[in-house]
Protein backbone atom coordinates (compact mmCIF):
# COMPACT_ATOMS: atom_id res chain seq x y z
CA MET A 1 9.91 -36.06 33.51
CA CYS A 2 7.94 -32.96 32.65
CA VAL A 3 4.83 -32.09 34.72
CA PHE A 4 3.21 -30.57 31.64
CA CYS A 5 3.89 -33.57 29.39
CA TYR A 6 2.60 -35.81 32.22
CA PRO A 7 0.11 -33.70 34.23
CA GLU A 8 -0.60 -36.62 36.55
CA LEU A 9 2.90 -36.20 38.05
CA GLU A 10 1.59 -33.17 39.97
CA PRO A 11 -1.17 -34.58 42.23
CA LYS A 12 -2.86 -31.19 42.73
CA GLN A 13 -2.94 -30.37 39.00
CA ARG A 14 -6.04 -31.00 36.89
CA VAL A 15 -6.70 -30.91 33.16
CA ARG A 16 -9.84 -28.73 33.08
CA MET A 17 -10.29 -28.82 29.31
CA SER A 18 -8.32 -29.66 26.20
CA ASN A 19 -8.30 -29.99 22.45
CA GLU A 20 -6.19 -31.94 19.97
CA TYR A 21 -3.05 -29.83 20.49
CA CYS A 22 -3.18 -28.33 23.98
CA MET A 23 -4.58 -28.50 27.51
CA PHE A 24 -5.75 -26.04 30.16
CA LEU A 25 -4.23 -27.01 33.51
CA GLN A 26 -5.16 -25.72 36.95
CA LEU A 27 -3.92 -26.42 40.42
CA GLU A 28 -6.65 -27.31 42.94
CA ASP A 29 -5.97 -24.05 44.83
CA ALA A 30 -7.14 -22.08 41.80
CA GLN A 31 -10.69 -23.24 42.52
CA SER A 32 -10.74 -21.47 45.91
CA LYS A 33 -13.07 -18.48 45.81
CA GLY A 34 -11.22 -15.36 46.92
CA GLY A 35 -7.83 -17.06 46.70
CA GLN A 36 -4.79 -15.16 45.49
CA LEU A 37 -4.84 -16.92 42.09
CA GLU A 38 -8.54 -17.77 41.87
CA GLY A 39 -9.27 -19.25 38.46
CA ALA A 40 -5.67 -19.03 37.21
CA GLY A 41 -4.26 -21.72 35.00
CA LEU A 42 -1.98 -22.55 32.11
CA ILE A 43 -2.51 -23.50 28.50
CA VAL A 44 0.23 -25.90 27.45
CA PRO A 45 0.92 -27.73 24.20
CA ARG A 46 0.54 -31.51 24.42
CA GLN A 47 3.89 -31.94 22.68
CA HIS A 48 6.95 -30.81 24.58
CA ARG A 49 7.94 -27.38 23.26
CA GLU A 50 10.51 -25.43 25.25
CA THR A 51 9.11 -21.94 24.59
CA VAL A 52 6.26 -20.30 22.73
CA PHE A 53 8.68 -19.66 19.88
CA ASP A 54 8.77 -23.42 19.26
CA LEU A 55 5.00 -23.86 18.75
CA THR A 56 3.67 -24.99 15.40
CA LYS A 57 1.00 -22.96 13.59
CA GLU A 58 -1.52 -25.64 14.54
CA GLU A 59 -0.56 -25.31 18.22
CA TRP A 60 -0.89 -21.50 18.01
CA MET A 61 -4.39 -21.80 16.58
CA ALA A 62 -5.35 -24.48 19.08
CA THR A 63 -4.08 -22.25 21.91
CA TYR A 64 -6.29 -19.43 20.61
CA ASP A 65 -9.32 -21.73 20.35
CA LEU A 66 -8.79 -23.15 23.84
CA LEU A 67 -8.28 -19.66 25.29
CA GLN A 68 -11.77 -18.71 24.10
CA ASP A 69 -13.22 -21.79 25.85
CA VAL A 70 -11.17 -21.08 28.99
CA LYS A 71 -12.44 -17.49 29.12
CA ASP A 72 -16.06 -18.70 28.85
CA TYR A 73 -15.40 -21.22 31.64
CA LEU A 74 -13.73 -18.66 33.91
CA ASP A 75 -16.35 -15.99 33.26
CA ARG A 76 -19.12 -18.44 34.20
CA ASN A 77 -17.40 -19.93 37.25
CA HIS A 78 -15.34 -17.07 38.68
CA GLN A 79 -16.69 -13.79 37.19
CA PRO A 80 -13.36 -11.91 36.93
CA GLN A 81 -13.39 -8.25 35.94
CA GLY A 82 -10.18 -8.50 33.88
CA TYR A 83 -7.35 -10.78 32.80
CA ASN A 84 -3.57 -10.89 32.51
CA LEU A 85 -2.24 -13.24 29.85
CA GLY A 86 1.38 -14.07 29.20
CA TRP A 87 4.30 -16.29 28.35
CA ASN A 88 7.62 -16.37 30.22
CA CYS A 89 10.43 -17.38 27.86
CA GLY A 90 13.88 -18.44 29.01
CA GLU A 91 15.43 -18.26 32.45
CA VAL A 92 15.99 -14.48 32.33
CA GLY A 93 12.36 -14.07 31.22
CA GLY A 94 11.17 -15.90 34.35
CA GLN A 95 10.51 -19.34 32.86
CA HIS A 96 11.05 -22.04 35.50
CA ILE A 97 9.57 -25.06 33.74
CA PHE A 98 10.99 -25.41 30.26
CA HIS A 99 7.81 -26.54 28.56
CA ALA A 100 5.94 -23.65 26.93
CA HIS A 101 3.03 -22.50 29.08
CA PHE A 102 0.60 -19.62 28.59
CA HIS A 103 -0.53 -18.03 31.85
CA VAL A 104 -4.23 -17.17 32.09
CA ILE A 105 -4.71 -15.06 35.22
CA PRO A 106 -8.16 -13.70 36.06
CA ARG A 107 -8.14 -10.33 37.86
CA TYR A 108 -10.64 -9.01 40.38
CA LYS A 109 -11.58 -5.45 41.36
CA ASP A 110 -11.09 -6.11 45.08
CA GLU A 111 -7.39 -7.08 44.69
CA PRO A 112 -4.77 -4.82 46.31
CA LEU A 113 -3.03 -4.51 42.91
CA THR A 114 -6.16 -3.74 40.88
CA GLY A 115 -5.23 -1.78 37.79
CA LYS A 116 -1.61 -2.94 37.82
CA GLY A 117 -0.80 -4.86 34.67
CA ILE A 118 2.12 -6.97 33.54
CA ARG A 119 4.37 -3.97 32.92
CA TYR A 120 3.94 -2.75 36.52
CA LEU A 121 6.75 -5.04 37.72
CA PHE A 122 9.14 -3.98 34.99
CA LYS A 123 8.55 -0.23 35.23
CA GLY A 124 9.36 0.01 38.95
CA SER A 125 12.62 1.47 40.20
CA MET A 126 13.65 -1.95 41.56
CA ASN A 127 14.06 -3.13 37.95
CA ARG A 128 16.35 -0.36 36.66
CA ARG A 129 19.40 -1.57 34.80
CA GLU A 130 22.86 -0.17 35.40
CA VAL A 131 23.97 2.01 32.49
CA THR A 132 27.43 0.96 31.36
CA GLU A 133 29.51 2.49 28.62
């Protein structure tokens, strides 16, 4: 059974807000002030969709609408100075749970990796591909 289709399967996971097509889920640890992933959560479609490419137009729009509400909530309760937003698609893309989920990660100016965005991991020398002919 899928922990995003049935959020109650993960005892530390909470539905913080939702609309007709999607939910914003957070683990309890995300509420800890100063924690590594303070405020972070996921927007997931209510219907099981394997990746973002499988979302309906209605689910896309509902994700957008919920993201605006989530940002208001996080700004009020956690006061981040920035955000990283993203989807992992497929095993090679880093997806570990095969139900589409949109990461909403607040960023704070006192983090050791302040100013490092999503591309930071991919641009490093550790991620260079072997050139083959």
